[in-house]
């Protein structure tokens, strides 16, 4: 994934011709170990069962939802978000909202802003029960979203969801993504390019 930069421009000082260049301070290093899933089923934990995805509360790592073990006939014939040919996490939503789809714990610096970001897509061609994704860090909800109604090969698309979290007094961040929809039909989705890093700040900022 490309690094993100926060730019700040400094205006004229004393005379219109005297300008200083904008300063770029990069965000912190990527803390998620395998956010693009290119290392397969590694670097994270899940409350879902890995393998055949024909039943609720299951997932697999693969390159195409329609080719996943146990996939249904209306599942997306489409590629991942990163390159279109790489891995993604393909899930059949659980009938419990308390099972994390994806979870990872990393060390953080106290009193620091972090950005958590991920990409998601519906894998049913047209869903009658939309996945409702919630992100929690250290048990606290930092954001929630509903996925597009249609899969990327039927008018939908991969969508990015990004949230800011301040570590406060914490030295660790237990990051987890949950699906709050507990329907056992249609509630199917894919995740990719999960990212967590310290937010960039202007030069001299805190």
N, C-alpha and C. Protein backbone atom coordinates (compact mmCIF):
# COMPACT_ATOMS: atom_id res chain seq x y z
N UNK A 1 0.84 -1.19 0.00
CA UNK A 1 0.00 0.00 0.00
C UNK A 1 0.87 1.24 0.00
N UNK A 2 0.40 2.30 -0.59
CA UNK A 2 1.17 3.53 -0.65
C UNK A 2 1.15 4.22 0.70
N UNK A 3 2.28 4.86 1.04
CA UNK A 3 2.34 5.64 2.27
C UNK A 3 1.46 6.87 2.12
N UNK A 4 0.90 7.32 3.23
CA UNK A 4 0.06 8.50 3.21
C UNK A 4 0.81 9.65 3.85
N UNK A 5 0.66 10.85 3.32
CA UNK A 5 1.35 12.01 3.84
C UNK A 5 0.36 13.12 4.15
N UNK A 6 0.62 13.85 5.21
CA UNK A 6 -0.18 15.02 5.55
C UNK A 6 0.67 16.24 5.26
N UNK A 7 0.19 17.12 4.39
CA UNK A 7 0.95 18.27 3.95
C UNK A 7 0.48 19.53 4.66
N UNK A 8 1.43 20.42 4.97
CA UNK A 8 1.06 21.72 5.51
C UNK A 8 1.81 22.79 4.73
N UNK A 9 1.09 23.80 4.31
CA UNK A 9 1.70 24.88 3.53
C UNK A 9 1.95 26.08 4.43
N UNK A 10 3.12 26.71 4.26
CA UNK A 10 3.48 27.89 5.03
C UNK A 10 3.38 29.10 4.12
N UNK A 11 2.70 30.13 4.57
CA UNK A 11 2.43 31.28 3.72
C UNK A 11 3.62 32.22 3.61
N UNK A 12 3.41 33.35 2.94
CA UNK A 12 4.47 34.34 2.72
C UNK A 12 4.88 34.97 4.04
N UNK A 13 6.16 35.24 4.15
CA UNK A 13 6.70 35.88 5.35
C UNK A 13 7.32 37.21 4.95
N UNK A 14 6.78 38.32 5.42
CA UNK A 14 7.30 39.68 5.23
C UNK A 14 7.16 40.19 3.82
N UNK A 15 7.39 39.36 2.81
CA UNK A 15 7.29 39.82 1.42
C UNK A 15 6.64 38.73 0.60
N UNK A 16 5.85 39.10 -0.41
CA UNK A 16 5.15 38.11 -1.23
C UNK A 16 6.09 37.12 -1.89
N UNK A 17 7.30 37.55 -2.21
CA UNK A 17 8.21 36.66 -2.93
C UNK A 17 8.87 35.64 -2.03
N UNK A 18 8.76 35.82 -0.71
CA UNK A 18 9.45 34.93 0.21
C UNK A 18 8.47 33.85 0.66
N UNK A 19 8.68 32.62 0.18
CA UNK A 19 7.79 31.52 0.50
C UNK A 19 8.62 30.36 1.00
N UNK A 20 8.05 29.55 1.86
CA UNK A 20 8.74 28.33 2.28
C UNK A 20 7.99 27.14 1.70
N UNK A 21 8.71 26.10 1.42
CA UNK A 21 8.11 24.92 0.80
C UNK A 21 7.22 24.19 1.79
N UNK A 22 6.21 23.51 1.25
CA UNK A 22 5.36 22.68 2.09
C UNK A 22 6.19 21.53 2.65
N UNK A 23 5.90 21.17 3.89
CA UNK A 23 6.65 20.13 4.56
C UNK A 23 5.79 18.87 4.66
N UNK A 24 6.37 17.73 4.34
CA UNK A 24 5.64 16.47 4.40
C UNK A 24 6.19 15.62 5.53
N UNK A 25 5.31 15.19 6.40
CA UNK A 25 5.71 14.28 7.47
C UNK A 25 4.92 13.01 7.30
N UNK A 26 5.58 11.88 7.04
CA UNK A 26 4.84 10.65 6.77
C UNK A 26 4.15 10.11 8.00
N UNK A 27 3.13 9.34 7.76
CA UNK A 27 2.49 8.61 8.84
C UNK A 27 3.47 7.56 9.36
N UNK A 28 3.14 6.99 10.52
CA UNK A 28 4.01 5.99 11.11
C UNK A 28 4.02 4.71 10.31
N UNK A 29 4.91 3.77 10.68
CA UNK A 29 5.00 2.50 9.95
C UNK A 29 3.73 1.67 10.08
N UNK A 30 3.50 0.83 9.10
CA UNK A 30 2.34 -0.07 9.11
C UNK A 30 2.48 -1.06 10.26
N UNK A 31 1.43 -1.18 11.08
CA UNK A 31 1.47 -2.08 12.24
C UNK A 31 0.72 -3.39 12.01
N UNK A 32 -0.19 -3.42 11.06
CA UNK A 32 -0.90 -4.67 10.74
C UNK A 32 0.06 -5.60 10.01
N UNK A 33 0.15 -6.83 10.46
CA UNK A 33 1.16 -7.77 9.93
C UNK A 33 0.84 -8.24 8.52
N UNK A 34 -0.39 -8.59 8.26
CA UNK A 34 -0.75 -9.24 6.98
C UNK A 34 -2.08 -8.68 6.49
N UNK A 35 -2.15 -7.36 6.42
CA UNK A 35 -3.42 -6.71 6.10
C UNK A 35 -3.94 -6.97 4.71
N UNK A 36 -3.05 -7.32 3.77
CA UNK A 36 -3.50 -7.63 2.41
C UNK A 36 -3.68 -9.13 2.19
N UNK A 37 -3.44 -9.92 3.21
CA UNK A 37 -3.64 -11.38 3.21
C UNK A 37 -2.76 -12.12 2.20
N UNK A 38 -1.70 -11.45 1.74
CA UNK A 38 -0.82 -12.12 0.78
C UNK A 38 0.02 -13.21 1.44
N UNK A 39 0.11 -13.20 2.77
CA UNK A 39 0.80 -14.27 3.49
C UNK A 39 -0.18 -15.37 3.90
N UNK A 40 -1.39 -15.32 3.35
CA UNK A 40 -2.38 -16.36 3.62
C UNK A 40 -3.05 -16.19 4.97
N UNK A 41 -3.35 -17.30 5.60
CA UNK A 41 -4.09 -17.32 6.86
C UNK A 41 -3.10 -17.15 8.02
N UNK A 42 -2.52 -15.96 8.14
CA UNK A 42 -1.47 -15.73 9.13
C UNK A 42 -1.51 -14.28 9.59
N UNK A 43 -1.04 -14.05 10.84
CA UNK A 43 -0.89 -12.69 11.35
C UNK A 43 -2.13 -12.14 12.03
N UNK A 44 -3.20 -12.91 12.12
CA UNK A 44 -4.44 -12.44 12.73
C UNK A 44 -5.18 -13.62 13.33
N UNK A 45 -6.19 -13.33 14.12
CA UNK A 45 -7.07 -14.37 14.65
C UNK A 45 -8.50 -14.05 14.21
N UNK A 46 -9.39 -15.02 14.38
CA UNK A 46 -10.78 -14.84 14.00
C UNK A 46 -11.67 -15.71 14.87
N UNK A 47 -12.86 -15.21 15.16
CA UNK A 47 -13.85 -16.03 15.83
C UNK A 47 -14.60 -16.91 14.86
N UNK A 48 -14.36 -16.72 13.56
CA UNK A 48 -14.97 -17.54 12.52
C UNK A 48 -14.13 -18.78 12.29
N UNK A 49 -14.73 -19.81 11.73
CA UNK A 49 -14.03 -21.04 11.40
C UNK A 49 -13.45 -20.95 9.99
N UNK A 50 -12.19 -21.32 9.84
CA UNK A 50 -11.52 -21.24 8.54
C UNK A 50 -11.77 -22.50 7.72
N UNK A 51 -12.08 -22.33 6.43
CA UNK A 51 -12.29 -23.47 5.55
C UNK A 51 -13.48 -23.28 4.62
N UNK A 52 -14.36 -24.28 4.57
CA UNK A 52 -15.56 -24.23 3.74
C UNK A 52 -16.45 -23.08 4.21
N UNK A 53 -16.91 -22.25 3.27
CA UNK A 53 -17.69 -21.06 3.63
C UNK A 53 -19.18 -21.20 3.31
N UNK A 54 -19.68 -22.41 3.22
CA UNK A 54 -21.09 -22.60 2.90
C UNK A 54 -22.00 -22.33 4.10
N UNK A 55 -21.45 -22.31 5.31
CA UNK A 55 -22.25 -22.06 6.50
C UNK A 55 -21.89 -20.74 7.16
N UNK A 56 -22.77 -20.21 8.03
CA UNK A 56 -22.50 -18.94 8.69
C UNK A 56 -21.31 -19.03 9.64
N UNK A 57 -20.61 -17.90 9.80
CA UNK A 57 -19.48 -17.86 10.72
C UNK A 57 -18.25 -18.57 10.21
N UNK A 58 -18.02 -18.51 8.90
CA UNK A 58 -16.87 -19.18 8.30
C UNK A 58 -16.12 -18.21 7.39
N UNK A 59 -14.86 -18.53 7.11
CA UNK A 59 -14.07 -17.69 6.21
C UNK A 59 -13.00 -18.51 5.52
N UNK A 60 -12.48 -17.95 4.45
CA UNK A 60 -11.32 -18.52 3.78
C UNK A 60 -10.49 -17.38 3.22
N UNK A 61 -9.24 -17.66 2.92
CA UNK A 61 -8.38 -16.69 2.25
C UNK A 61 -8.23 -17.15 0.80
N UNK A 62 -8.59 -16.30 -0.14
CA UNK A 62 -8.55 -16.70 -1.54
C UNK A 62 -8.50 -15.52 -2.47
N UNK A 63 -8.47 -15.80 -3.77
CA UNK A 63 -8.33 -14.76 -4.79
C UNK A 63 -9.64 -14.42 -5.50
N UNK A 64 -10.68 -15.23 -5.29
CA UNK A 64 -11.94 -15.01 -5.99
C UNK A 64 -13.08 -15.63 -5.18
N UNK A 65 -14.06 -14.85 -4.71
CA UNK A 65 -15.15 -15.41 -3.92
C UNK A 65 -15.89 -16.56 -4.60
N UNK A 66 -16.07 -16.48 -5.92
CA UNK A 66 -16.83 -17.52 -6.63
C UNK A 66 -16.10 -18.86 -6.63
N UNK A 67 -14.78 -18.82 -6.37
CA UNK A 67 -13.98 -20.05 -6.35
C UNK A 67 -13.67 -20.52 -4.94
N UNK A 68 -14.22 -19.86 -3.92
CA UNK A 68 -13.96 -20.25 -2.54
C UNK A 68 -14.62 -21.60 -2.24
N UNK A 69 -14.05 -22.40 -1.36
CA UNK A 69 -14.67 -23.68 -1.01
C UNK A 69 -16.04 -23.46 -0.37
N UNK A 70 -17.08 -24.04 -0.96
CA UNK A 70 -18.43 -23.87 -0.45
C UNK A 70 -19.14 -22.63 -0.96
N UNK A 71 -18.55 -21.92 -1.92
CA UNK A 71 -19.15 -20.68 -2.45
C UNK A 71 -20.50 -20.96 -3.09
N UNK A 72 -21.38 -19.97 -3.04
CA UNK A 72 -22.70 -20.07 -3.66
C UNK A 72 -22.63 -19.55 -5.10
N UNK A 73 -23.63 -19.92 -5.90
CA UNK A 73 -23.61 -19.61 -7.32
C UNK A 73 -23.69 -18.13 -7.65
N UNK A 74 -24.20 -17.31 -6.71
CA UNK A 74 -24.32 -15.87 -6.98
C UNK A 74 -23.17 -15.08 -6.38
N UNK A 75 -22.12 -15.76 -5.92
CA UNK A 75 -20.99 -15.03 -5.34
C UNK A 75 -20.12 -14.41 -6.41
N UNK A 76 -19.53 -13.29 -6.05
CA UNK A 76 -18.76 -12.45 -6.95
C UNK A 76 -17.63 -13.19 -7.67
N UNK A 77 -17.61 -13.05 -8.99
CA UNK A 77 -16.47 -13.50 -9.78
C UNK A 77 -15.56 -12.27 -9.96
N UNK A 78 -14.76 -11.99 -8.94
CA UNK A 78 -14.00 -10.74 -8.92
C UNK A 78 -12.72 -10.91 -8.12
N UNK A 79 -11.79 -9.98 -8.33
CA UNK A 79 -10.49 -10.03 -7.68
C UNK A 79 -10.44 -9.22 -6.41
N UNK A 80 -9.28 -9.27 -5.76
CA UNK A 80 -9.09 -8.54 -4.51
C UNK A 80 -8.95 -7.04 -4.76
N UNK A 81 -8.90 -6.26 -3.69
CA UNK A 81 -8.77 -4.81 -3.85
C UNK A 81 -7.36 -4.39 -4.21
N UNK A 82 -6.35 -5.10 -3.68
CA UNK A 82 -4.97 -4.65 -3.81
C UNK A 82 -4.48 -4.62 -5.26
N UNK A 83 -4.57 -5.77 -5.92
CA UNK A 83 -4.05 -5.89 -7.30
C UNK A 83 -5.07 -6.45 -8.27
N UNK A 84 -6.15 -7.02 -7.75
CA UNK A 84 -7.12 -7.70 -8.60
C UNK A 84 -6.80 -9.17 -8.80
N UNK A 85 -5.60 -9.58 -8.37
CA UNK A 85 -5.21 -10.99 -8.54
C UNK A 85 -4.71 -11.61 -7.23
N UNK A 86 -4.65 -10.82 -6.16
CA UNK A 86 -4.10 -11.32 -4.90
C UNK A 86 -5.16 -11.87 -3.97
N UNK A 87 -4.77 -12.09 -2.72
CA UNK A 87 -5.65 -12.68 -1.72
C UNK A 87 -6.56 -11.65 -1.06
N UNK A 88 -7.65 -12.15 -0.54
CA UNK A 88 -8.57 -11.39 0.29
C UNK A 88 -9.14 -12.34 1.32
N UNK A 89 -9.80 -11.79 2.34
CA UNK A 89 -10.52 -12.61 3.31
C UNK A 89 -11.98 -12.67 2.88
N UNK A 90 -12.49 -13.87 2.63
CA UNK A 90 -13.84 -14.08 2.14
C UNK A 90 -14.65 -14.73 3.27
N UNK A 91 -15.77 -14.11 3.66
CA UNK A 91 -16.49 -14.56 4.85
C UNK A 91 -17.99 -14.72 4.61
N UNK A 92 -18.54 -15.71 5.29
CA UNK A 92 -19.98 -15.92 5.37
C UNK A 92 -20.38 -15.45 6.76
N UNK A 93 -21.15 -14.36 6.84
CA UNK A 93 -21.47 -13.72 8.11
C UNK A 93 -22.06 -14.68 9.14
N UNK A 94 -21.66 -14.49 10.40
CA UNK A 94 -22.08 -15.37 11.49
C UNK A 94 -23.48 -15.04 11.98
N UNK A 95 -24.08 -15.97 12.73
CA UNK A 95 -25.37 -15.71 13.36
C UNK A 95 -25.18 -15.16 14.78
N UNK A 96 -23.96 -14.73 15.08
CA UNK A 96 -23.65 -14.05 16.34
C UNK A 96 -22.86 -12.79 16.03
N UNK A 97 -23.24 -11.68 16.65
CA UNK A 97 -22.53 -10.42 16.44
C UNK A 97 -21.32 -10.27 17.35
N UNK A 98 -21.06 -11.27 18.18
CA UNK A 98 -19.96 -11.18 19.15
C UNK A 98 -18.70 -11.89 18.68
N UNK A 99 -18.74 -12.52 17.51
CA UNK A 99 -17.56 -13.21 17.00
C UNK A 99 -16.77 -12.26 16.09
N UNK A 100 -15.52 -11.98 16.42
CA UNK A 100 -14.74 -11.11 15.53
C UNK A 100 -14.43 -11.81 14.21
N UNK A 101 -14.65 -11.10 13.12
CA UNK A 101 -14.28 -11.63 11.81
C UNK A 101 -12.76 -11.65 11.68
N UNK A 102 -12.15 -10.56 12.11
CA UNK A 102 -10.69 -10.37 12.04
C UNK A 102 -10.24 -9.66 13.30
N UNK A 103 -9.08 -10.06 13.86
CA UNK A 103 -8.60 -9.42 15.08
C UNK A 103 -7.07 -9.51 15.14
N UNK A 104 -6.46 -8.45 15.63
CA UNK A 104 -5.01 -8.42 15.83
C UNK A 104 -4.68 -7.43 16.93
N UNK A 105 -3.68 -7.73 17.73
CA UNK A 105 -3.23 -6.83 18.79
C UNK A 105 -1.81 -6.37 18.52
N UNK A 106 -1.58 -5.05 18.62
CA UNK A 106 -0.26 -4.48 18.37
C UNK A 106 0.10 -3.51 19.49
N UNK A 107 1.39 -3.24 19.65
CA UNK A 107 1.86 -2.26 20.61
C UNK A 107 1.68 -0.86 20.05
N UNK A 108 1.29 0.09 20.91
CA UNK A 108 1.11 1.48 20.48
C UNK A 108 1.77 2.42 21.49
N UNK A 109 1.93 3.66 21.09
CA UNK A 109 2.47 4.70 21.95
C UNK A 109 1.32 5.49 22.58
N UNK A 110 1.34 5.68 23.89
CA UNK A 110 0.24 6.45 24.51
C UNK A 110 0.13 7.87 23.95
N UNK A 111 -1.06 8.42 24.07
CA UNK A 111 -1.36 9.81 23.66
C UNK A 111 -1.01 10.07 22.20
N UNK A 112 -1.33 9.11 21.35
CA UNK A 112 -1.01 9.22 19.92
C UNK A 112 -2.24 8.91 19.08
N UNK A 113 -2.46 9.68 18.02
CA UNK A 113 -3.55 9.41 17.09
C UNK A 113 -3.12 8.34 16.09
N UNK A 114 -4.00 7.38 15.86
CA UNK A 114 -3.77 6.32 14.89
C UNK A 114 -4.92 6.28 13.89
N UNK A 115 -4.63 5.81 12.71
CA UNK A 115 -5.66 5.63 11.68
C UNK A 115 -5.84 4.14 11.41
N UNK A 116 -7.09 3.67 11.56
CA UNK A 116 -7.44 2.29 11.20
C UNK A 116 -8.25 2.36 9.92
N UNK A 117 -7.85 1.56 8.93
CA UNK A 117 -8.50 1.60 7.62
C UNK A 117 -8.64 0.19 7.06
N UNK A 118 -9.71 -0.05 6.34
CA UNK A 118 -9.85 -1.34 5.66
C UNK A 118 -10.75 -1.16 4.44
N UNK A 119 -10.67 -2.11 3.52
CA UNK A 119 -11.53 -2.15 2.34
C UNK A 119 -12.45 -3.36 2.44
N UNK A 120 -13.68 -3.19 1.99
CA UNK A 120 -14.65 -4.28 2.08
C UNK A 120 -15.58 -4.26 0.87
N UNK A 121 -16.14 -5.43 0.59
CA UNK A 121 -17.09 -5.55 -0.52
C UNK A 121 -18.11 -6.64 -0.20
N UNK A 122 -19.32 -6.45 -0.68
CA UNK A 122 -20.34 -7.49 -0.63
C UNK A 122 -19.99 -8.52 -1.70
N UNK A 123 -20.15 -9.81 -1.42
CA UNK A 123 -19.81 -10.81 -2.44
C UNK A 123 -21.03 -11.43 -3.11
N UNK A 124 -22.24 -11.23 -2.55
CA UNK A 124 -23.45 -11.66 -3.25
C UNK A 124 -23.72 -10.68 -4.39
N UNK A 125 -24.17 -11.18 -5.53
CA UNK A 125 -24.45 -10.29 -6.66
C UNK A 125 -25.40 -9.17 -6.25
N UNK A 126 -26.44 -9.54 -5.50
CA UNK A 126 -27.37 -8.54 -4.97
C UNK A 126 -27.88 -9.06 -3.64
N UNK A 127 -27.54 -8.38 -2.55
CA UNK A 127 -27.86 -8.88 -1.23
C UNK A 127 -29.17 -8.31 -0.71
N UNK A 128 -29.97 -9.18 -0.09
CA UNK A 128 -31.18 -8.73 0.60
C UNK A 128 -30.93 -8.55 2.10
N UNK A 129 -29.70 -8.71 2.52
CA UNK A 129 -29.34 -8.54 3.93
C UNK A 129 -27.90 -8.05 3.99
N UNK A 130 -27.73 -6.75 4.16
CA UNK A 130 -26.42 -6.11 4.01
C UNK A 130 -25.55 -6.31 5.26
N UNK A 131 -24.30 -6.71 5.09
CA UNK A 131 -23.38 -6.79 6.23
C UNK A 131 -23.22 -5.42 6.89
N UNK A 132 -23.22 -5.42 8.22
CA UNK A 132 -23.07 -4.19 9.00
C UNK A 132 -21.79 -4.34 9.82
N UNK A 133 -20.72 -3.71 9.35
CA UNK A 133 -19.40 -3.90 9.94
C UNK A 133 -19.15 -2.86 11.04
N UNK A 134 -18.59 -3.34 12.15
CA UNK A 134 -18.23 -2.49 13.27
C UNK A 134 -16.77 -2.74 13.63
N UNK A 135 -16.02 -1.66 13.84
CA UNK A 135 -14.62 -1.76 14.26
C UNK A 135 -14.53 -1.38 15.73
N UNK A 136 -13.88 -2.23 16.52
CA UNK A 136 -13.62 -1.93 17.92
C UNK A 136 -12.12 -1.97 18.18
N UNK A 137 -11.65 -1.05 18.99
CA UNK A 137 -10.28 -1.09 19.48
C UNK A 137 -10.34 -1.07 21.00
N UNK A 138 -9.71 -2.06 21.61
CA UNK A 138 -9.76 -2.25 23.07
C UNK A 138 -11.20 -2.26 23.58
N UNK A 139 -12.07 -2.86 22.78
CA UNK A 139 -13.46 -3.03 23.17
C UNK A 139 -14.37 -1.87 22.87
N UNK A 140 -13.82 -0.74 22.45
CA UNK A 140 -14.64 0.45 22.19
C UNK A 140 -14.90 0.60 20.70
N UNK A 141 -16.14 0.86 20.33
CA UNK A 141 -16.50 1.06 18.93
C UNK A 141 -15.90 2.37 18.43
N UNK A 142 -15.14 2.30 17.32
CA UNK A 142 -14.59 3.53 16.73
C UNK A 142 -15.23 3.85 15.39
N UNK A 143 -16.02 2.93 14.84
CA UNK A 143 -16.68 3.21 13.57
C UNK A 143 -17.55 2.05 13.14
N UNK A 144 -18.57 2.34 12.33
CA UNK A 144 -19.40 1.28 11.78
C UNK A 144 -19.87 1.69 10.40
N UNK A 145 -20.20 0.70 9.58
CA UNK A 145 -20.58 0.98 8.19
C UNK A 145 -21.38 -0.17 7.63
N UNK A 146 -22.21 0.14 6.64
CA UNK A 146 -22.94 -0.88 5.89
C UNK A 146 -22.27 -1.02 4.53
N UNK A 147 -22.09 -2.24 4.08
CA UNK A 147 -21.42 -2.47 2.81
C UNK A 147 -22.38 -2.20 1.64
N UNK A 148 -21.84 -1.97 0.44
CA UNK A 148 -22.69 -1.77 -0.74
C UNK A 148 -23.61 -2.98 -0.96
N UNK A 149 -24.77 -2.73 -1.54
CA UNK A 149 -25.77 -3.79 -1.75
C UNK A 149 -25.31 -4.84 -2.75
N UNK A 150 -24.56 -4.43 -3.77
CA UNK A 150 -24.18 -5.34 -4.85
C UNK A 150 -22.68 -5.64 -4.82
N UNK A 151 -22.32 -6.78 -5.39
CA UNK A 151 -20.91 -7.17 -5.49
C UNK A 151 -20.21 -6.34 -6.57
N UNK A 152 -18.86 -6.30 -6.56
CA UNK A 152 -18.12 -5.50 -7.55
C UNK A 152 -18.37 -5.91 -9.00
N UNK A 153 -18.79 -7.14 -9.24
CA UNK A 153 -19.06 -7.55 -10.62
C UNK A 153 -20.53 -7.35 -11.01
N UNK A 154 -21.29 -6.66 -10.15
CA UNK A 154 -22.70 -6.42 -10.45
C UNK A 154 -23.12 -5.01 -10.00
N UNK A 155 -22.28 -4.03 -10.31
CA UNK A 155 -22.62 -2.64 -10.03
C UNK A 155 -22.12 -2.11 -8.70
N UNK A 156 -21.63 -2.98 -7.82
CA UNK A 156 -21.06 -2.53 -6.55
C UNK A 156 -19.57 -2.27 -6.70
N UNK A 157 -18.89 -2.09 -5.60
CA UNK A 157 -17.46 -1.84 -5.65
C UNK A 157 -16.83 -2.08 -4.27
N UNK A 158 -15.51 -2.17 -4.26
CA UNK A 158 -14.77 -2.16 -3.00
C UNK A 158 -14.90 -0.77 -2.40
N UNK A 159 -15.20 -0.71 -1.09
CA UNK A 159 -15.32 0.58 -0.40
C UNK A 159 -14.28 0.65 0.72
N UNK A 160 -13.74 1.85 0.94
CA UNK A 160 -12.78 2.07 2.00
C UNK A 160 -13.46 2.70 3.21
N UNK A 161 -13.11 2.20 4.39
CA UNK A 161 -13.63 2.74 5.64
C UNK A 161 -12.44 3.07 6.52
N UNK A 162 -12.38 4.31 7.01
CA UNK A 162 -11.21 4.78 7.75
C UNK A 162 -11.65 5.54 9.00
N UNK A 163 -10.98 5.26 10.13
CA UNK A 163 -11.35 5.86 11.41
C UNK A 163 -10.10 6.26 12.18
N UNK A 164 -10.22 7.31 12.98
CA UNK A 164 -9.12 7.77 13.82
C UNK A 164 -9.35 7.34 15.26
N UNK A 165 -8.28 6.91 15.90
CA UNK A 165 -8.34 6.46 17.29
C UNK A 165 -7.17 7.04 18.05
N UNK A 166 -7.42 7.57 19.25
CA UNK A 166 -6.35 8.07 20.11
C UNK A 166 -6.06 7.04 21.19
N UNK A 167 -4.79 6.73 21.38
CA UNK A 167 -4.40 5.66 22.28
C UNK A 167 -4.58 6.01 23.76
N UNK A 168 -4.65 7.31 24.08
CA UNK A 168 -4.83 7.69 25.48
C UNK A 168 -3.70 7.13 26.34
N UNK A 169 -4.06 6.34 27.36
CA UNK A 169 -3.05 5.75 28.24
C UNK A 169 -2.65 4.34 27.81
N UNK A 170 -3.22 3.87 26.71
CA UNK A 170 -2.99 2.47 26.29
C UNK A 170 -1.60 2.28 25.69
N UNK A 171 -1.05 1.10 25.93
CA UNK A 171 0.21 0.68 25.33
C UNK A 171 -0.02 -0.40 24.27
N UNK A 172 -1.26 -0.81 24.10
CA UNK A 172 -1.59 -1.80 23.08
C UNK A 172 -2.94 -1.47 22.46
N UNK A 173 -3.14 -1.95 21.26
CA UNK A 173 -4.42 -1.78 20.56
C UNK A 173 -4.90 -3.16 20.11
N UNK A 174 -6.00 -3.60 20.70
CA UNK A 174 -6.64 -4.84 20.27
C UNK A 174 -7.70 -4.45 19.25
N UNK A 175 -7.37 -4.61 17.96
CA UNK A 175 -8.24 -4.19 16.85
C UNK A 175 -9.09 -5.36 16.40
N UNK A 176 -10.38 -5.12 16.19
CA UNK A 176 -11.26 -6.20 15.76
C UNK A 176 -12.37 -5.66 14.86
N UNK A 177 -12.71 -6.44 13.85
CA UNK A 177 -13.83 -6.13 12.95
C UNK A 177 -14.93 -7.16 13.19
N UNK A 178 -16.14 -6.67 13.40
CA UNK A 178 -17.30 -7.53 13.64
C UNK A 178 -18.36 -7.27 12.58
N UNK A 179 -19.19 -8.28 12.32
CA UNK A 179 -20.38 -8.09 11.50
C UNK A 179 -21.58 -8.13 12.43
N UNK A 180 -22.32 -7.02 12.50
CA UNK A 180 -23.47 -6.93 13.40
C UNK A 180 -24.74 -7.55 12.81
N UNK A 181 -24.72 -7.85 11.52
CA UNK A 181 -25.86 -8.52 10.89
C UNK A 181 -25.77 -10.01 11.23
N UNK A 182 -26.80 -10.55 11.82
CA UNK A 182 -26.78 -11.96 12.21
C UNK A 182 -27.64 -12.85 11.32
N UNK A 183 -28.09 -12.31 10.18
CA UNK A 183 -28.82 -13.15 9.23
C UNK A 183 -27.91 -14.25 8.69
N UNK A 184 -28.49 -15.40 8.42
CA UNK A 184 -27.69 -16.52 7.92
C UNK A 184 -27.79 -16.67 6.41
N UNK A 185 -28.50 -15.76 5.74
CA UNK A 185 -28.55 -15.77 4.28
C UNK A 185 -28.12 -14.41 3.75
N UNK A 186 -27.49 -14.37 2.61
CA UNK A 186 -27.07 -13.17 1.90
C UNK A 186 -25.91 -12.42 2.57
N UNK A 187 -25.73 -12.61 3.83
CA UNK A 187 -24.80 -11.81 4.63
C UNK A 187 -23.35 -12.28 4.42
N UNK A 188 -22.81 -11.99 3.23
CA UNK A 188 -21.50 -12.50 2.83
C UNK A 188 -20.64 -11.36 2.31
N UNK A 189 -19.34 -11.38 2.60
CA UNK A 189 -18.51 -10.22 2.29
C UNK A 189 -17.04 -10.60 2.19
N UNK A 190 -16.23 -9.63 1.74
CA UNK A 190 -14.79 -9.81 1.65
C UNK A 190 -14.10 -8.60 2.27
N UNK A 191 -12.94 -8.84 2.90
CA UNK A 191 -12.12 -7.78 3.49
C UNK A 191 -10.74 -7.81 2.85
N UNK A 192 -10.12 -6.63 2.77
CA UNK A 192 -8.77 -6.55 2.19
C UNK A 192 -8.08 -5.27 2.65
N UNK A 193 -6.76 -5.26 2.55
CA UNK A 193 -5.93 -4.08 2.82
C UNK A 193 -6.28 -3.40 4.15
N UNK A 194 -6.28 -4.20 5.21
CA UNK A 194 -6.49 -3.67 6.55
C UNK A 194 -5.20 -2.98 7.00
N UNK A 195 -5.33 -1.77 7.54
CA UNK A 195 -4.15 -0.96 7.86
C UNK A 195 -4.33 -0.25 9.20
N UNK A 196 -3.23 -0.10 9.93
CA UNK A 196 -3.25 0.63 11.20
C UNK A 196 -1.88 1.27 11.39
N UNK A 197 -1.84 2.58 11.53
CA UNK A 197 -0.57 3.28 11.71
C UNK A 197 -0.79 4.61 12.41
N UNK A 198 0.28 5.14 13.01
CA UNK A 198 0.19 6.45 13.63
C UNK A 198 -0.10 7.48 12.56
N UNK A 199 -1.01 8.40 12.87
CA UNK A 199 -1.38 9.42 11.89
C UNK A 199 -0.23 10.39 11.70
N UNK A 200 -0.02 10.86 10.46
CA UNK A 200 1.00 11.86 10.19
C UNK A 200 0.63 13.19 10.81
N UNK A 201 1.61 14.05 11.00
CA UNK A 201 1.34 15.38 11.55
C UNK A 201 2.28 16.38 10.90
N UNK A 202 1.90 17.67 10.87
CA UNK A 202 2.80 18.68 10.31
C UNK A 202 4.12 18.74 11.06
N UNK A 203 5.17 19.13 10.40
CA UNK A 203 6.48 19.26 11.02
C UNK A 203 6.39 20.18 12.24
N UNK A 204 6.91 19.70 13.37
CA UNK A 204 6.85 20.49 14.57
C UNK A 204 5.60 20.22 15.38
N UNK A 205 4.66 19.46 14.82
CA UNK A 205 3.42 19.15 15.53
C UNK A 205 3.64 18.06 16.55
N UNK A 206 2.59 17.82 17.36
CA UNK A 206 2.69 16.81 18.40
C UNK A 206 1.93 15.57 17.99
